[in-house]
Structures are given as C-alpha cells and as structure tokens.
Amino acid sequence: MKKLRFRLEAWLVRGLLVLLRQLPLDFSSWLGGAVMRCVGPMLPAHKVARRNLELAFPEKDSAGIGRILSGMWDNLGRTAGEYPHHERIGREAGRRVELLGTGFIEALAAKPRPAIFVSAHLANWEIMPIVGALHGVYLSSVYRRPNNPYLASVFEDRLTHPQMSLIAKGPSAGRELLRVLRQDRPVAMLIDQKLREGIPVSFFGREAMTPSAFAEFALKLGCDVVPTRIERLGGAHFRLTVLPPMEKPDSGDHAEDVRSLTQAATSLIEDWVRERPSEWFWVHKRWPD
C-alpha cells in the first residue's frame, strides 16, 4: 500500500512539474505563491510556523505574525513554482539575479580550491548553485533525500550543469564531502535546520541544535567558509550576495573553535532572517518543544 501511495504521489508531483514548466516563469512563480497563500494556512505546518515566529519575535502582535506567515507561504509557493524553471532562470540570470561579491567567485573559478558556501532556506535557496555554474563554480550541494524514493530523480533534475552534483545527508555524506573538498571542489550547505548530530548554539536567543560539519571540515582542511545570502526582489527576481570568507578561530581548542565558527555563521543567518522574516522556512521545528 505504501509503495502504491509513493508511486501515485510521484506521478502527481511529476505531472504538476510538467504543467508548471509549460507556463511562463513569472506566471508560474505567481501561481505558486497564490496557491500557497490559500492552502498553507490550512496545513499542520502553519501551527509550527506560528509557534516559531512567536518564540523568535515575542514583541510582535498577532497581526504582525500573520503578515509574516502570509509572506512565508507566498515565498514557499513561488519557490515551488520556480522549481521547474531553473534552466530558464540561468539563461535569464543577467536580468533576474543581481549578483554582489563577484570577486571571490571569479577567483575560485580561475584557481579552484576547497571552499564551503554556507547559506539558509531563504527566498529561493536554489539560486546559488545556478548562478555559481554560470561563473564557472560548480557546487556539490548537500540535500535531504526525499522519503519517497520515486521522487529522487526530481531533485537531480535541478542540476543545470553536468559538473554540479548532489550529496545526500546520511552516514556516507561526511566521507563524500571530504572527498569532494580534497579534490579542490566547492560545496554548498544549508545550516539553518535542526540536526540531532549538530551542536547547540544560540539562534534568536534560544539554544538550537545546528549542523557543525561545515566548521569541522573548514578547520580540518583549512578551506574557506563563504556566507551566501539570497533575497527575493519581487516576483522571480533575486539578489545573491557572496560575502568575504569568514575568519576561522584558532584558539587551540578544536571543539571550542567548531562551536565558535558555527555560532558566528548562525548569528549571521539570524541577522538575515530578522531583516526579511517572510522569506525564511519557518515551518521547520527549529527549537525543542
């Protein structure tokens, strides 16, 4: 029964993506946002998002929280509507993506070396690999494998260049990341979701289990940690900011250095989320109950 359900779910998702791919990109983005603004508040995840927002912004009233929630569902719907149009976004990146901080990308393309691009589930977080490939930086992105095995290839479809790759979270992810970095290739990691194997650092004034593998690898291999911010500038238009590599602590205490670097990156993401709260993925259970 479960296998049949997974197959039906995969057919539905694939059919929807085929349909959206036939639409103009801007309309597909708008449609996704419009649908999710209506459907999102009826989903169980809406309660999770509201609770997270109330914890993060205790000073905001119910109306203020409601506006952020509406914007969040719009952004998530738009991101879904843009999913089958990644190649088109790449072709039209010159007018759709404002790119700031090109110096590091150009230097990395000219002289490859290991680097870890860290970001969060903000705006359309798929933009960085797309734009990186256009500039000769081909990222291996860490992702969570879908529960439905018949949807695995849907994730692979987002690779817009043959030199890009995906690394599934799991027992073998660490070995694969190490292999890629030792080949002087860059990786991309989203570090804003709770992980049991992470470490506790402060996020919006509360302890949150946070992925620290990026810090472990950076300190072990001496590679750059490059914060990367995505913002939505209205519709299917974006700003991608590649910040200078972060300063890596060197106190002599490895565990403390990992914690310090993880905290610094998490604090930076918190600043981004505070500026544009409706563009973050609030539906994830970020803090313990």
C-alpha atoms as a PDB file:
ATOM      1  CA  MET A   1       0.000   0.000   0.000  1.00  0.00           C
ATOM      2  CA  LYS A   2       2.828   2.366   0.901  1.00  0.00           C
ATOM      3  CA  LYS A   3       4.568   1.607  -2.400  1.00  0.00           C
ATOM      4  CA  LEU A   4       1.396   2.401  -4.330  1.00  0.00           C
ATOM      5  CA  ARG A   5       0.961   5.659  -2.421  1.00  0.00           C
ATOM      6  CA  PHE A   6       4.538   6.652  -3.194  1.00  0.00           C
ATOM      7  CA  ARG A   7       4.020   5.899  -6.894  1.00  0.00           C
ATOM      8  CA  LEU A   8       0.806   7.932  -7.047  1.00  0.00           C
ATOM      9  CA  GLU A   9       2.477  10.799  -5.203  1.00  0.00           C
ATOM     10  CA  ALA A  10       5.422  10.732  -7.632  1.00  0.00           C
ATOM     11  CA  TRP A  11       3.117  10.751 -10.674  1.00  0.00           C
ATOM     12  CA  LEU A  12       1.204  13.697  -9.225  1.00  0.00           C
ATOM     13  CA  VAL A  13       4.341  15.713  -8.494  1.00  0.00           C
ATOM     14  CA  ARG A  14       5.871  14.968 -11.882  1.00  0.00           C
ATOM     15  CA  GLY A  15       2.639  15.863 -13.646  1.00  0.00           C
ATOM     16  CA  LEU A  16       2.447  19.142 -11.769  1.00  0.00           C
ATOM     17  CA  LEU A  17       6.049  19.996 -12.625  1.00  0.00           C
ATOM     18  CA  VAL A  18       5.423  19.250 -16.305  1.00  0.00           C
ATOM     19  CA  LEU A  19       2.406  21.548 -16.208  1.00  0.00           C
ATOM     20  CA  LEU A  20       4.284  24.351 -14.480  1.00  0.00           C
ATOM     21  CA  ARG A  21       7.166  24.033 -16.924  1.00  0.00           C
ATOM     22  CA  GLN A  22       4.791  24.940 -19.766  1.00  0.00           C
ATOM     23  CA  LEU A  23       3.885  28.218 -18.086  1.00  0.00           C
ATOM     24  CA  PRO A  24       5.890  31.450 -18.303  1.00  0.00           C
ATOM     25  CA  LEU A  25       8.328  31.649 -15.391  1.00  0.00           C
ATOM     26  CA  ASP A  26       6.807  34.778 -13.846  1.00  0.00           C
ATOM     27  CA  PHE A  27       3.287  33.353 -14.022  1.00  0.00           C
ATOM     28  CA  SER A  28       4.404  30.018 -12.585  1.00  0.00           C
ATOM     29  CA  SER A  29       6.059  31.851  -9.688  1.00  0.00           C
ATOM     30  CA  TRP A  30       2.957  33.984  -9.094  1.00  0.00           C
ATOM     31  CA  LEU A  31       0.635  30.986  -9.308  1.00  0.00           C
ATOM     32  CA  GLY A  32       2.680  29.011  -6.784  1.00  0.00           C
ATOM     33  CA  GLY A  33       2.564  31.919  -4.363  1.00  0.00           C
ATOM     34  CA  ALA A  34      -1.173  32.472  -4.821  1.00  0.00           C
ATOM     35  CA  VAL A  35      -1.974  28.794  -4.240  1.00  0.00           C
ATOM     36  CA  MET A  36       0.163  28.506  -1.117  1.00  0.00           C
ATOM     37  CA  ARG A  37      -1.216  31.709   0.407  1.00  0.00           C
ATOM     38  CA  CYS A  38      -4.601  29.951   0.324  1.00  0.00           C
ATOM     39  CA  VAL A  39      -3.559  26.383   1.120  1.00  0.00           C
ATOM     40  CA  GLY A  40      -0.676  26.963   3.545  1.00  0.00           C
ATOM     41  CA  PRO A  41      -2.743  28.245   6.498  1.00  0.00           C
ATOM     42  CA  MET A  42      -4.793  25.018   6.412  1.00  0.00           C
ATOM     43  CA  LEU A  43      -1.733  22.773   6.800  1.00  0.00           C
ATOM     44  CA  PRO A  44      -0.447  21.447  10.157  1.00  0.00           C
ATOM     45  CA  ALA A  45       2.887  23.149   9.430  1.00  0.00           C
ATOM     46  CA  HIS A  46       1.139  26.519   9.785  1.00  0.00           C
ATOM     47  CA  LYS A  47       0.879  25.989  13.556  1.00  0.00           C
ATOM     48  CA  VAL A  48       4.564  25.091  13.727  1.00  0.00           C
ATOM     49  CA  ALA A  49       5.475  28.248  11.833  1.00  0.00           C
ATOM     50  CA  ARG A  50       3.293  30.437  14.060  1.00  0.00           C
ATOM     51  CA  ARG A  51       4.843  28.976  17.216  1.00  0.00           C
ATOM     52  CA  ASN A  52       8.353  29.547  15.839  1.00  0.00           C
ATOM     53  CA  LEU A  53       7.532  33.139  14.985  1.00  0.00           C
ATOM     54  CA  GLU A  54       6.056  33.783  18.420  1.00  0.00           C
ATOM     55  CA  LEU A  55       9.254  32.439  20.003  1.00  0.00           C
ATOM     56  CA  ALA A  56      11.514  34.453  17.698  1.00  0.00           C
ATOM     57  CA  PHE A  57       9.522  37.720  17.796  1.00  0.00           C
ATOM     58  CA  PRO A  58       7.722  37.934  21.169  1.00  0.00           C
ATOM     59  CA  GLU A  59       7.286  41.668  20.615  1.00  0.00           C
ATOM     60  CA  LYS A  60       5.086  41.204  17.534  1.00  0.00           C
ATOM     61  CA  ASP A  61       1.309  41.077  17.823  1.00  0.00           C
ATOM     62  CA  SER A  62      -0.922  38.516  16.130  1.00  0.00           C
ATOM     63  CA  ALA A  63      -1.463  40.709  13.069  1.00  0.00           C
ATOM     64  CA  GLY A  64       2.275  41.157  12.596  1.00  0.00           C
ATOM     65  CA  ILE A  65       2.857  37.416  12.885  1.00  0.00           C
ATOM     66  CA  GLY A  66       0.025  36.830  10.415  1.00  0.00           C
ATOM     67  CA  ARG A  67       1.615  39.102   7.812  1.00  0.00           C
ATOM     68  CA  ILE A  68       4.913  37.223   8.058  1.00  0.00           C
ATOM     69  CA  LEU A  69       3.093  33.886   7.735  1.00  0.00           C
ATOM     70  CA  SER A  70       1.270  35.055   4.618  1.00  0.00           C
ATOM     71  CA  GLY A  71       4.545  36.238   3.111  1.00  0.00           C
ATOM     72  CA  MET A  72       6.248  32.972   4.036  1.00  0.00           C
ATOM     73  CA  TRP A  73       3.629  30.860   2.252  1.00  0.00           C
ATOM     74  CA  ASP A  74       3.845  33.163  -0.763  1.00  0.00           C
ATOM     75  CA  ASN A  75       7.625  32.764  -0.886  1.00  0.00           C
ATOM     76  CA  LEU A  76       7.488  28.977  -0.497  1.00  0.00           C
ATOM     77  CA  GLY A  77       4.831  28.728  -3.204  1.00  0.00           C
ATOM     78  CA  ARG A  78       6.878  30.899  -5.533  1.00  0.00           C
ATOM     79  CA  THR A  79       9.974  28.794  -4.869  1.00  0.00           C
ATOM     80  CA  ALA A  80       7.976  25.680  -5.827  1.00  0.00           C
ATOM     81  CA  GLY A  81       6.605  27.403  -8.935  1.00  0.00           C
ATOM     82  CA  GLU A  82      10.142  28.349  -9.964  1.00  0.00           C
ATOM     83  CA  TYR A  83      11.489  24.824  -9.428  1.00  0.00           C
ATOM     84  CA  PRO A  84      10.866  23.516 -12.969  1.00  0.00           C
ATOM     85  CA  HIS A  85      12.311  26.730 -14.437  1.00  0.00           C
ATOM     86  CA  HIS A  86      15.886  26.563 -13.112  1.00  0.00           C
ATOM     87  CA  GLU A  87      17.395  26.402 -16.582  1.00  0.00           C
ATOM     88  CA  ARG A  88      15.372  29.437 -17.630  1.00  0.00           C
ATOM     89  CA  ILE A  89      16.479  31.338 -14.520  1.00  0.00           C
ATOM     90  CA  GLY A  90      20.059  30.523 -15.505  1.00  0.00           C
ATOM     91  CA  ARG A  91      19.532  31.743 -19.071  1.00  0.00           C
ATOM     92  CA  GLU A  92      17.934  34.953 -17.827  1.00  0.00           C
ATOM     93  CA  ALA A  93      20.183  35.458 -14.799  1.00  0.00           C
ATOM     94  CA  GLY A  94      21.546  38.704 -16.221  1.00  0.00           C
ATOM     95  CA  ARG A  95      18.202  40.394 -15.682  1.00  0.00           C
ATOM     96  CA  ARG A  96      16.805  38.236 -12.886  1.00  0.00           C
ATOM     97  CA  VAL A  97      19.670  37.951 -10.415  1.00  0.00           C
ATOM     98  CA  GLU A  98      21.555  40.912  -9.001  1.00  0.00           C
ATOM     99  CA  LEU A  99      24.955  39.490  -8.032  1.00  0.00           C
ATOM    100  CA  LEU A 100      27.054  41.159  -5.348  1.00  0.00           C
ATOM    101  CA  GLY A 101      30.512  39.991  -4.311  1.00  0.00           C
ATOM    102  CA  THR A 102      31.690  38.506  -7.581  1.00  0.00           C
ATOM    103  CA  GLY A 103      35.370  38.786  -6.648  1.00  0.00           C
ATOM    104  CA  PHE A 104      35.524  35.550  -4.659  1.00  0.00           C
ATOM    105  CA  ILE A 105      33.590  33.585  -7.302  1.00  0.00           C
ATOM    106  CA  GLU A 106      35.856  34.836 -10.081  1.00  0.00           C
ATOM    107  CA  ALA A 107      38.974  33.983  -8.054  1.00  0.00           C
ATOM    108  CA  LEU A 108      37.634  30.499  -7.279  1.00  0.00           C
ATOM    109  CA  ALA A 109      36.787  29.851 -10.928  1.00  0.00           C
ATOM    110  CA  ALA A 110      40.264  30.983 -12.003  1.00  0.00           C
ATOM    111  CA  LYS A 111      42.090  28.965  -9.341  1.00  0.00           C
ATOM    112  CA  PRO A 112      39.975  26.124  -7.886  1.00  0.00           C
ATOM    113  CA  ARG A 113      40.420  25.319  -4.209  1.00  0.00           C
ATOM    114  CA  PRO A 114      38.217  23.788  -1.498  1.00  0.00           C
ATOM    115  CA  ALA A 115      35.519  26.137  -0.241  1.00  0.00           C
ATOM    116  CA  ILE A 116      32.284  25.744   1.686  1.00  0.00           C
ATOM    117  CA  PHE A 117      29.416  28.062   0.752  1.00  0.00           C
ATOM    118  CA  VAL A 118      27.022  28.280   3.705  1.00  0.00           C
ATOM    119  CA  SER A 119      23.511  29.652   3.479  1.00  0.00           C
ATOM    120  CA  ALA A 120      19.948  29.130   4.711  1.00  0.00           C
ATOM    121  CA  HIS A 121      16.462  28.339   3.434  1.00  0.00           C
ATOM    122  CA  LEU A 122      15.848  31.960   2.455  1.00  0.00           C
ATOM    123  CA  ALA A 123      13.996  33.269  -0.625  1.00  0.00           C
ATOM    124  CA  ASN A 124      14.746  30.733  -3.393  1.00  0.00           C
ATOM    125  CA  TRP A 125      17.765  28.959  -1.937  1.00  0.00           C
ATOM    126  CA  GLU A 126      18.419  27.117  -5.221  1.00  0.00           C
ATOM    127  CA  ILE A 127      19.754  30.280  -6.873  1.00  0.00           C
ATOM    128  CA  MET A 128      23.361  29.990  -5.649  1.00  0.00           C
ATOM    129  CA  PRO A 129      24.246  26.742  -7.491  1.00  0.00           C
ATOM    130  CA  ILE A 130      22.564  28.034 -10.658  1.00  0.00           C
ATOM    131  CA  VAL A 131      24.475  31.326 -10.665  1.00  0.00           C
ATOM    132  CA  GLY A 132      27.707  29.704  -9.499  1.00  0.00           C
ATOM    133  CA  ALA A 133      27.678  27.381 -12.523  1.00  0.00           C
ATOM    134  CA  LEU A 134      27.275  30.359 -14.855  1.00  0.00           C
ATOM    135  CA  HIS A 135      30.523  31.753 -13.432  1.00  0.00           C
ATOM    136  CA  GLY A 136      32.472  28.506 -13.572  1.00  0.00           C
ATOM    137  CA  VAL A 137      31.946  27.475  -9.933  1.00  0.00           C
ATOM    138  CA  TYR A 138      30.243  24.076  -9.866  1.00  0.00           C
ATOM    139  CA  LEU A 139      28.859  23.249  -6.444  1.00  0.00           C
ATOM    140  CA  SER A 140      28.211  19.907  -4.801  1.00  0.00           C
ATOM    141  CA  SER A 141      25.102  20.655  -2.748  1.00  0.00           C
ATOM    142  CA  VAL A 142      24.106  18.757   0.381  1.00  0.00           C
ATOM    143  CA  TYR A 143      20.416  17.835   0.408  1.00  0.00           C
ATOM    144  CA  ARG A 144      17.932  15.706   2.276  1.00  0.00           C
ATOM    145  CA  ARG A 145      16.893  12.651   0.265  1.00  0.00           C
ATOM    146  CA  PRO A 146      13.070  12.516  -0.116  1.00  0.00           C
ATOM    147  CA  ASN A 147      11.162   9.895   1.855  1.00  0.00           C
ATOM    148  CA  ASN A 148       9.550   8.850  -1.416  1.00  0.00           C
ATOM    149  CA  PRO A 149      12.257   7.014  -3.430  1.00  0.00           C
ATOM    150  CA  TYR A 150      10.336   7.582  -6.664  1.00  0.00           C
ATOM    151  CA  LEU A 151      10.921  11.318  -6.292  1.00  0.00           C
ATOM    152  CA  ALA A 152      14.714  11.067  -6.073  1.00  0.00           C
ATOM    153  CA  SER A 153      15.239  11.986  -9.723  1.00  0.00           C
ATOM    154  CA  VAL A 154      13.111  15.117  -9.275  1.00  0.00           C
ATOM    155  CA  PHE A 155      15.936  16.504  -7.148  1.00  0.00           C
ATOM    156  CA  GLU A 156      18.514  15.513  -9.734  1.00  0.00           C
ATOM    157  CA  ASP A 157      16.568  17.413 -12.393  1.00  0.00           C
ATOM    158  CA  ARG A 158      17.537  20.692 -10.724  1.00  0.00           C
ATOM    159  CA  LEU A 159      21.196  20.225 -11.724  1.00  0.00           C
ATOM    160  CA  THR A 160      21.686  22.722 -14.524  1.00  0.00           C
ATOM    161  CA  HIS A 161      25.268  21.702 -15.370  1.00  0.00           C
ATOM    162  CA  PRO A 162      26.914  18.252 -15.609  1.00  0.00           C
ATOM    163  CA  GLN A 163      29.698  19.271 -13.209  1.00  0.00           C
ATOM    164  CA  MET A 164      27.219  20.075 -10.441  1.00  0.00           C
ATOM    165  CA  SER A 165      26.320  17.270  -8.034  1.00  0.00           C
ATOM    166  CA  LEU A 166      24.196  16.390  -5.021  1.00  0.00           C
ATOM    167  CA  ILE A 167      25.298  14.818  -1.754  1.00  0.00           C
ATOM    168  CA  ALA A 168      22.519  13.170   0.237  1.00  0.00           C
ATOM    169  CA  LYS A 169      22.540  13.603   4.005  1.00  0.00           C
ATOM    170  CA  GLY A 170      23.277  10.364   5.807  1.00  0.00           C
ATOM    171  CA  PRO A 171      26.087   8.148   7.091  1.00  0.00           C
ATOM    172  CA  SER A 172      28.165   8.467   3.910  1.00  0.00           C
ATOM    173  CA  ALA A 173      27.727  12.250   3.468  1.00  0.00           C
ATOM    174  CA  GLY A 174      30.792  13.132   5.540  1.00  0.00           C
ATOM    175  CA  ARG A 175      33.076  10.879   3.513  1.00  0.00           C
ATOM    176  CA  GLU A 176      31.688  12.246   0.248  1.00  0.00           C
ATOM    177  CA  LEU A 177      32.127  15.855   1.394  1.00  0.00           C
ATOM    178  CA  LEU A 178      35.698  15.172   2.410  1.00  0.00           C
ATOM    179  CA  ARG A 179      36.409  13.536  -0.951  1.00  0.00           C
ATOM    180  CA  VAL A 180      34.972  16.494  -2.888  1.00  0.00           C
ATOM    181  CA  LEU A 181      36.818  19.114  -0.855  1.00  0.00           C
ATOM    182  CA  ARG A 182      40.109  17.265  -1.171  1.00  0.00           C
ATOM    183  CA  GLN A 183      39.642  17.431  -4.942  1.00  0.00           C
ATOM    184  CA  ASP A 184      39.677  21.259  -4.657  1.00  0.00           C
ATOM    185  CA  ARG A 185      35.974  21.440  -5.424  1.00  0.00           C
ATOM    186  CA  PRO A 186      33.473  23.678  -3.593  1.00  0.00           C
ATOM    187  CA  VAL A 187      30.399  22.503  -1.698  1.00  0.00           C
ATOM    188  CA  ALA A 188      27.194  24.241  -0.600  1.00  0.00           C
ATOM    189  CA  MET A 189      25.478  23.606   2.729  1.00  0.00           C
ATOM    190  CA  LEU A 190      22.285  24.994   4.269  1.00  0.00           C
ATOM    191  CA  ILE A 191      22.929  25.166   8.010  1.00  0.00           C
ATOM    192  CA  ASP A 192      19.677  26.528   9.408  1.00  0.00           C
ATOM    193  CA  GLN A 193      17.795  23.322  10.244  1.00  0.00           C
ATOM    194  CA  LYS A 194      17.838  21.210  13.389  1.00  0.00           C
ATOM    195  CA  LEU A 195      20.051  18.123  13.373  1.00  0.00           C
ATOM    196  CA  ARG A 196      20.381  15.572  16.144  1.00  0.00           C
ATOM    197  CA  GLU A 197      24.085  15.254  15.384  1.00  0.00           C
ATOM    198  CA  GLY A 198      24.628  19.023  15.468  1.00  0.00           C
ATOM    199  CA  ILE A 199      25.738  21.169  18.369  1.00  0.00           C
ATOM    200  CA  PRO A 200      23.705  23.664  20.426  1.00  0.00           C
ATOM    201  CA  VAL A 201      24.259  27.338  19.604  1.00  0.00           C
ATOM    202  CA  SER A 202      22.137  30.425  20.117  1.00  0.00           C
ATOM    203  CA  PHE A 203      19.527  31.274  17.477  1.00  0.00           C
ATOM    204  CA  PHE A 204      17.074  34.069  18.283  1.00  0.00           C
ATOM    205  CA  GLY A 205      18.189  33.877  21.905  1.00  0.00           C
ATOM    206  CA  ARG A 206      17.412  30.167  22.294  1.00  0.00           C
ATOM    207  CA  GLU A 207      19.594  27.099  22.036  1.00  0.00           C
ATOM    208  CA  ALA A 208      19.129  25.277  18.746  1.00  0.00           C
ATOM    209  CA  MET A 209      20.854  22.135  17.529  1.00  0.00           C
ATOM    210  CA  THR A 210      22.805  23.281  14.489  1.00  0.00           C
ATOM    211  CA  PRO A 211      24.843  21.498  11.790  1.00  0.00           C
ATOM    212  CA  SER A 212      28.535  21.948  12.566  1.00  0.00           C
ATOM    213  CA  ALA A 213      30.066  19.724   9.869  1.00  0.00           C
ATOM    214  CA  PHE A 214      30.974  22.762   7.766  1.00  0.00           C
ATOM    215  CA  ALA A 215      33.079  24.114  10.638  1.00  0.00           C
ATOM    216  CA  GLU A 216      34.718  20.733  11.231  1.00  0.00           C
ATOM    217  CA  PHE A 217      35.735  20.466   7.574  1.00  0.00           C
ATOM    218  CA  ALA A 218      36.856  24.095   7.342  1.00  0.00           C
ATOM    219  CA  LEU A 219      39.119  23.777  10.376  1.00  0.00           C
ATOM    220  CA  LYS A 220      40.448  20.358   9.366  1.00  0.00           C
ATOM    221  CA  LEU A 221      41.232  21.270   5.751  1.00  0.00           C
ATOM    222  CA  GLY A 222      41.828  24.991   6.151  1.00  0.00           C
ATOM    223  CA  CYS A 223      39.250  25.801   3.478  1.00  0.00           C
ATOM    224  CA  ASP A 224      37.204  28.996   3.216  1.00  0.00           C
ATOM    225  CA  VAL A 225      33.721  29.327   4.702  1.00  0.00           C
ATOM    226  CA  VAL A 226      31.784  31.660   2.405  1.00  0.00           C
ATOM    227  CA  PRO A 227      28.429  33.061   3.643  1.00  0.00           C
ATOM    228  CA  THR A 228      25.962  33.385   0.792  1.00  0.00           C
ATOM    229  CA  ARG A 229      22.717  35.319   1.072  1.00  0.00           C
ATOM    230  CA  ILE A 230      19.694  35.093  -1.227  1.00  0.00           C
ATOM    231  CA  GLU A 231      16.956  37.753  -1.221  1.00  0.00           C
ATOM    232  CA  ARG A 232      13.783  37.959  -3.273  1.00  0.00           C
ATOM    233  CA  LEU A 233      13.429  41.311  -5.017  1.00  0.00           C
ATOM    234  CA  GLY A 234       9.832  40.836  -6.103  1.00  0.00           C
ATOM    235  CA  GLY A 235       8.445  38.024  -8.209  1.00  0.00           C
ATOM    236  CA  ALA A 236      11.093  35.806  -9.768  1.00  0.00           C
ATOM    237  CA  HIS A 237      13.895  38.327  -9.289  1.00  0.00           C
ATOM    238  CA  PHE A 238      16.653  37.954  -6.712  1.00  0.00           C
ATOM    239  CA  ARG A 239      19.757  39.361  -5.122  1.00  0.00           C
ATOM    240  CA  LEU A 240      22.666  36.986  -4.453  1.00  0.00           C
ATOM    241  CA  THR A 241      25.338  38.323  -2.110  1.00  0.00           C
ATOM    242  CA  VAL A 242      28.583  36.388  -1.721  1.00  0.00           C
ATOM    243  CA  LEU A 243      30.258  37.684   1.424  1.00  0.00           C
ATOM    244  CA  PRO A 244      34.014  37.505   2.120  1.00  0.00           C
ATOM    245  CA  PRO A 245      35.219  34.262   3.727  1.00  0.00           C
ATOM    246  CA  MET A 246      34.665  34.112   7.476  1.00  0.00           C
ATOM    247  CA  GLU A 247      37.544  34.406   9.897  1.00  0.00           C
ATOM    248  CA  LYS A 248      38.337  30.966  11.320  1.00  0.00           C
ATOM    249  CA  PRO A 249      39.102  30.794  15.048  1.00  0.00           C
ATOM    250  CA  ASP A 250      42.366  29.230  16.163  1.00  0.00           C
ATOM    251  CA  SER A 251      42.300  29.024  19.954  1.00  0.00           C
ATOM    252  CA  GLY A 252      43.971  25.638  20.216  1.00  0.00           C
ATOM    253  CA  ASP A 253      40.721  24.112  21.480  1.00  0.00           C
ATOM    254  CA  HIS A 254      39.216  22.357  18.454  1.00  0.00           C
ATOM    255  CA  ALA A 255      35.769  21.797  19.968  1.00  0.00           C
ATOM    256  CA  GLU A 256      35.522  25.442  21.013  1.00  0.00           C
ATOM    257  CA  ASP A 257      36.689  26.624  17.594  1.00  0.00           C
ATOM    258  CA  VAL A 258      33.979  24.498  15.926  1.00  0.00           C
ATOM    259  CA  ARG A 259      31.365  25.934  18.283  1.00  0.00           C
ATOM    260  CA  SER A 260      32.598  29.499  17.738  1.00  0.00           C
ATOM    261  CA  LEU A 261      32.541  29.244  13.932  1.00  0.00           C
ATOM    262  CA  THR A 262      29.121  27.555  13.973  1.00  0.00           C
ATOM    263  CA  GLN A 263      27.787  30.309  16.237  1.00  0.00           C
ATOM    264  CA  ALA A 264      29.221  33.076  14.045  1.00  0.00           C
ATOM    265  CA  ALA A 265      27.590  31.652  10.916  1.00  0.00           C
ATOM    266  CA  THR A 266      24.282  31.085  12.741  1.00  0.00           C
ATOM    267  CA  SER A 267      24.276  34.657  14.089  1.00  0.00           C
ATOM    268  CA  LEU A 268      24.786  35.958  10.556  1.00  0.00           C
ATOM    269  CA  ILE A 269      21.816  33.915   9.329  1.00  0.00           C
ATOM    270  CA  GLU A 270      19.727  35.234  12.225  1.00  0.00           C
ATOM    271  CA  ASP A 271      20.502  38.786  11.081  1.00  0.00           C
ATOM    272  CA  TRP A 272      19.311  37.908   7.567  1.00  0.00           C
ATOM    273  CA  VAL A 273      16.117  36.308   8.869  1.00  0.00           C
ATOM    274  CA  ARG A 274      15.367  39.309  11.095  1.00  0.00           C
ATOM    275  CA  GLU A 275      15.656  41.615   8.088  1.00  0.00           C
ATOM    276  CA  ARG A 276      13.363  39.512   5.882  1.00  0.00           C
ATOM    277  CA  PRO A 277      11.411  37.124   8.120  1.00  0.00           C
ATOM    278  CA  SER A 278       8.789  36.263   5.498  1.00  0.00           C
ATOM    279  CA  GLU A 279      11.476  34.728   3.276  1.00  0.00           C
ATOM    280  CA  TRP A 280      12.632  32.079   5.789  1.00  0.00           C
ATOM    281  CA  PHE A 281      11.452  28.479   6.189  1.00  0.00           C
ATOM    282  CA  TRP A 282       9.543  28.855   9.490  1.00  0.00           C
ATOM    283  CA  VAL A 283       7.683  25.546   9.101  1.00  0.00           C
ATOM    284  CA  HIS A 284      10.700  23.588  10.361  1.00  0.00           C
ATOM    285  CA  LYS A 285      10.752  22.691  14.103  1.00  0.00           C
ATOM    286  CA  ARG A 286      13.866  24.695  14.871  1.00  0.00           C
ATOM    287  CA  TRP A 287      13.683  24.715  18.666  1.00  0.00           C
ATOM    288  CA  PRO A 288      12.884  21.937  21.166  1.00  0.00           C
ATOM    289  CA  ASP A 289       9.293  21.712  22.370  1.00  0.00           C
END
